[in-house]
PDB file of N, CA and C in Angstrom:
ATOM      1  N   UNK A   1     -46.521-122.072  92.484  1.00  0.00           N
ATOM      2  CA  UNK A   1     -47.227-121.016  91.792  1.00  0.00           C
ATOM      3  C   UNK A   1     -48.690-121.045  92.201  1.00  0.00           C
ATOM      4  N   UNK A   2     -49.228-119.877  92.392  1.00  0.00           N
ATOM      5  CA  UNK A   2     -50.648-119.745  92.702  1.00  0.00           C
ATOM      6  C   UNK A   2     -51.298-119.094  91.489  1.00  0.00           C
ATOM      7  N   UNK A   3     -51.997-119.897  90.713  1.00  0.00           N
ATOM      8  CA  UNK A   3     -52.587-119.415  89.462  1.00  0.00           C
ATOM      9  C   UNK A   3     -53.636-118.341  89.715  1.00  0.00           C
ATOM     10  N   UNK A   4     -54.436-118.515  90.758  1.00  0.00           N
ATOM     11  CA  UNK A   4     -55.517-117.576  91.044  1.00  0.00           C
ATOM     12  C   UNK A   4     -54.979-116.184  91.391  1.00  0.00           C
ATOM     13  N   UNK A   5     -53.946-116.130  92.224  1.00  0.00           N
ATOM     14  CA  UNK A   5     -53.390-114.835  92.651  1.00  0.00           C
ATOM     15  C   UNK A   5     -52.215-114.373  91.789  1.00  0.00           C
ATOM     16  N   UNK A   6     -51.796-115.202  90.833  1.00  0.00           N
ATOM     17  CA  UNK A   6     -50.684-114.879  89.918  1.00  0.00           C
ATOM     18  C   UNK A   6     -49.394-114.571  90.691  1.00  0.00           C
ATOM     19  N   UNK A   7     -49.062-115.447  91.658  1.00  0.00           N
ATOM     20  CA  UNK A   7     -47.810-115.296  92.399  1.00  0.00           C
ATOM     21  C   UNK A   7     -47.060-116.624  92.398  1.00  0.00           C
ATOM     22  N   UNK A   8     -45.769-116.550  92.631  1.00  0.00           N
ATOM     23  CA  UNK A   8     -44.963-117.759  92.781  1.00  0.00           C
ATOM     24  C   UNK A   8     -43.889-117.487  93.813  1.00  0.00           C
ATOM     25  N   UNK A   9     -43.245-118.517  94.241  1.00  0.00           N
ATOM     26  CA  UNK A   9     -42.193-118.372  95.231  1.00  0.00           C
ATOM     27  C   UNK A   9     -41.633-119.725  95.608  1.00  0.00           C
ATOM     28  N   UNK A  10     -40.816-119.731  96.625  1.00  0.00           N
ATOM     29  CA  UNK A  10     -40.207-120.957  97.116  1.00  0.00           C
ATOM     30  C   UNK A  10     -40.635-121.194  98.554  1.00  0.00           C
ATOM     31  N   UNK A  11     -40.848-122.431  98.897  1.00  0.00           N
ATOM     32  CA  UNK A  11     -41.209-122.779 100.259  1.00  0.00           C
ATOM     33  C   UNK A  11     -39.992-123.277 101.004  1.00  0.00           C
ATOM     34  N   UNK A  12     -40.205-123.839 102.167  1.00  0.00           N
ATOM     35  CA  UNK A  12     -39.096-124.359 102.959  1.00  0.00           C
ATOM     36  C   UNK A  12     -38.474-125.592 102.308  1.00  0.00           C
ATOM     37  N   UNK A  13     -37.236-125.847 102.633  1.00  0.00           N
ATOM     38  CA  UNK A  13     -36.541-127.032 102.142  1.00  0.00           C
ATOM     39  C   UNK A  13     -37.206-128.267 102.724  1.00  0.00           C
ATOM     40  N   UNK A  14     -37.443-129.267 101.903  1.00  0.00           N
ATOM     41  CA  UNK A  14     -38.127-130.478 102.339  1.00  0.00           C
ATOM     42  C   UNK A  14     -37.183-131.659 102.216  1.00  0.00           C
ATOM     43  N   UNK A  15     -37.044-132.407 103.289  1.00  0.00           N
ATOM     44  CA  UNK A  15     -36.226-133.621 103.296  1.00  0.00           C
ATOM     45  C   UNK A  15     -37.153-134.825 103.467  1.00  0.00           C
ATOM     46  N   UNK A  16     -37.271-135.662 102.443  1.00  0.00           N
ATOM     47  CA  UNK A  16     -38.127-136.843 102.565  1.00  0.00           C
ATOM     48  C   UNK A  16     -37.640-137.755 103.697  1.00  0.00           C
ATOM     49  N   UNK A  17     -38.594-138.343 104.414  1.00  0.00           N
ATOM     50  CA  UNK A  17     -38.254-139.207 105.546  1.00  0.00           C
ATOM     51  C   UNK A  17     -38.225-140.679 105.161  1.00  0.00           C
ATOM     52  N   UNK A  18     -38.783-141.009 104.003  1.00  0.00           N
ATOM     53  CA  UNK A  18     -38.927-142.404 103.617  1.00  0.00           C
ATOM     54  C   UNK A  18     -40.319-142.933 103.912  1.00  0.00           C
ATOM     55  N   UNK A  19     -41.072-142.214 104.738  1.00  0.00           N
ATOM     56  CA  UNK A  19     -42.460-142.558 105.038  1.00  0.00           C
ATOM     57  C   UNK A  19     -43.330-141.753 104.072  1.00  0.00           C
ATOM     58  N   UNK A  20     -43.680-142.375 102.961  1.00  0.00           N
ATOM     59  CA  UNK A  20     -44.370-141.674 101.888  1.00  0.00           C
ATOM     60  C   UNK A  20     -45.686-141.062 102.358  1.00  0.00           C
ATOM     61  N   UNK A  21     -46.450-141.790 103.159  1.00  0.00           N
ATOM     62  CA  UNK A  21     -47.735-141.257 103.613  1.00  0.00           C
ATOM     63  C   UNK A  21     -47.548-140.009 104.478  1.00  0.00           C
ATOM     64  N   UNK A  22     -46.623-140.023 105.401  1.00  0.00           N
ATOM     65  CA  UNK A  22     -46.369-138.865 106.263  1.00  0.00           C
ATOM     66  C   UNK A  22     -45.795-137.706 105.453  1.00  0.00           C
ATOM     67  N   UNK A  23     -44.908-138.019 104.517  1.00  0.00           N
ATOM     68  CA  UNK A  23     -44.323-136.967 103.681  1.00  0.00           C
ATOM     69  C   UNK A  23     -45.402-136.281 102.847  1.00  0.00           C
ATOM     70  N   UNK A  24     -46.323-137.056 102.282  1.00  0.00           N
ATOM     71  CA  UNK A  24     -47.385-136.472 101.455  1.00  0.00           C
ATOM     72  C   UNK A  24     -48.325-135.605 102.281  1.00  0.00           C
ATOM     73  N   UNK A  25     -48.553-135.953 103.541  1.00  0.00           N
ATOM     74  CA  UNK A  25     -49.384-135.109 104.407  1.00  0.00           C
ATOM     75  C   UNK A  25     -48.728-133.743 104.543  1.00  0.00           C
ATOM     76  N   UNK A  26     -47.418-133.715 104.759  1.00  0.00           N
ATOM     77  CA  UNK A  26     -46.703-132.442 104.896  1.00  0.00           C
ATOM     78  C   UNK A  26     -46.704-131.656 103.585  1.00  0.00           C
ATOM     79  N   UNK A  27     -46.479-132.343 102.474  1.00  0.00           N
ATOM     80  CA  UNK A  27     -46.446-131.676 101.167  1.00  0.00           C
ATOM     81  C   UNK A  27     -47.819-131.089 100.835  1.00  0.00           C
ATOM     82  N   UNK A  28     -48.867-131.877 101.014  1.00  0.00           N
ATOM     83  CA  UNK A  28     -50.223-131.398 100.713  1.00  0.00           C
ATOM     84  C   UNK A  28     -50.622-130.246 101.628  1.00  0.00           C
ATOM     85  N   UNK A  29     -50.195-130.279 102.885  1.00  0.00           N
ATOM     86  CA  UNK A  29     -50.504-129.187 103.811  1.00  0.00           C
ATOM     87  C   UNK A  29     -49.868-127.890 103.324  1.00  0.00           C
ATOM     88  N   UNK A  30     -48.648-127.970 102.808  1.00  0.00           N
ATOM     89  CA  UNK A  30     -47.977-126.773 102.299  1.00  0.00           C
ATOM     90  C   UNK A  30     -48.711-126.215 101.081  1.00  0.00           C
ATOM     91  N   UNK A  31     -49.072-127.065 100.152  1.00  0.00           N
ATOM     92  CA  UNK A  31     -49.687-126.616  98.902  1.00  0.00           C
ATOM     93  C   UNK A  31     -51.186-126.313  99.014  1.00  0.00           C
ATOM     94  N   UNK A  32     -51.821-126.654 100.114  1.00  0.00           N
ATOM     95  CA  UNK A  32     -53.264-126.441 100.266  1.00  0.00           C
ATOM     96  C   UNK A  32     -53.660-124.975 100.140  1.00  0.00           C
ATOM     97  N   UNK A  33     -52.768-124.068 100.468  1.00  0.00           N
ATOM     98  CA  UNK A  33     -53.087-122.631 100.418  1.00  0.00           C
ATOM     99  C   UNK A  33     -53.016-122.052  99.012  1.00  0.00           C
ATOM    100  N   UNK A  34     -52.551-122.831  98.047  1.00  0.00           N
ATOM    101  CA  UNK A  34     -52.356-122.343  96.687  1.00  0.00           C
ATOM    102  C   UNK A  34     -53.391-122.925  95.743  1.00  0.00           C
ATOM    103  N   UNK A  35     -53.735-122.176  94.703  1.00  0.00           N
ATOM    104  CA  UNK A  35     -54.685-122.629  93.696  1.00  0.00           C
ATOM    105  C   UNK A  35     -53.950-122.849  92.387  1.00  0.00           C
ATOM    106  N   UNK A  36     -53.978-124.074  91.896  1.00  0.00           N
ATOM    107  CA  UNK A  36     -53.337-124.382  90.623  1.00  0.00           C
ATOM    108  C   UNK A  36     -54.247-124.049  89.451  1.00  0.00           C
ATOM    109  N   UNK A  37     -53.689-124.108  88.266  1.00  0.00           N
ATOM    110  CA  UNK A  37     -54.475-123.840  87.061  1.00  0.00           C
ATOM    111  C   UNK A  37     -55.593-124.860  86.931  1.00  0.00           C
ATOM    112  N   UNK A  38     -55.317-126.096  87.265  1.00  0.00           N
ATOM    113  CA  UNK A  38     -56.310-127.184  87.219  1.00  0.00           C
ATOM    114  C   UNK A  38     -56.601-127.622  88.649  1.00  0.00           C
ATOM    115  N   UNK A  39     -57.181-126.735  89.433  1.00  0.00           N
ATOM    116  CA  UNK A  39     -57.377-126.962  90.858  1.00  0.00           C
ATOM    117  C   UNK A  39     -58.208-128.202  91.159  1.00  0.00           C
ATOM    118  N   UNK A  40     -59.077-128.607  90.270  1.00  0.00           N
ATOM    119  CA  UNK A  40     -59.906-129.779  90.500  1.00  0.00           C
ATOM    120  C   UNK A  40     -59.104-131.075  90.495  1.00  0.00           C
ATOM    121  N   UNK A  41     -57.856-131.037  90.046  1.00  0.00           N
ATOM    122  CA  UNK A  41     -57.017-132.227  90.003  1.00  0.00           C
ATOM    123  C   UNK A  41     -56.252-132.441  91.304  1.00  0.00           C
ATOM    124  N   UNK A  42     -56.415-131.552  92.269  1.00  0.00           N
ATOM    125  CA  UNK A  42     -55.672-131.643  93.525  1.00  0.00           C
ATOM    126  C   UNK A  42     -56.627-131.739  94.702  1.00  0.00           C
ATOM    127  N   UNK A  43     -56.355-132.673  95.597  1.00  0.00           N
ATOM    128  CA  UNK A  43     -57.140-132.810  96.819  1.00  0.00           C
ATOM    129  C   UNK A  43     -56.206-132.704  97.997  1.00  0.00           C
ATOM    130  N   UNK A  44     -56.410-131.720  98.863  1.00  0.00           N
ATOM    131  CA  UNK A  44     -55.537-131.528 100.017  1.00  0.00           C
ATOM    132  C   UNK A  44     -55.965-132.368 101.209  1.00  0.00           C
ATOM    133  N   UNK A  45     -57.143-132.968 101.163  1.00  0.00           N
ATOM    134  CA  UNK A  45     -57.702-133.818 102.219  1.00  0.00           C
ATOM    135  C   UNK A  45     -57.699-133.099 103.530  1.00  0.00           C
TER     136      UNK A  45
END
């Protein structure tokens, strides 16, 4: 959900690899384009 633009949807299917650091890079990259209600709680790095 993008709180700022008032839209929601589904992204691509994600299969965890077991490498938590690499998986989080991919997850954060996907969500970086969206603004949450509490955007200050998220860092896309």
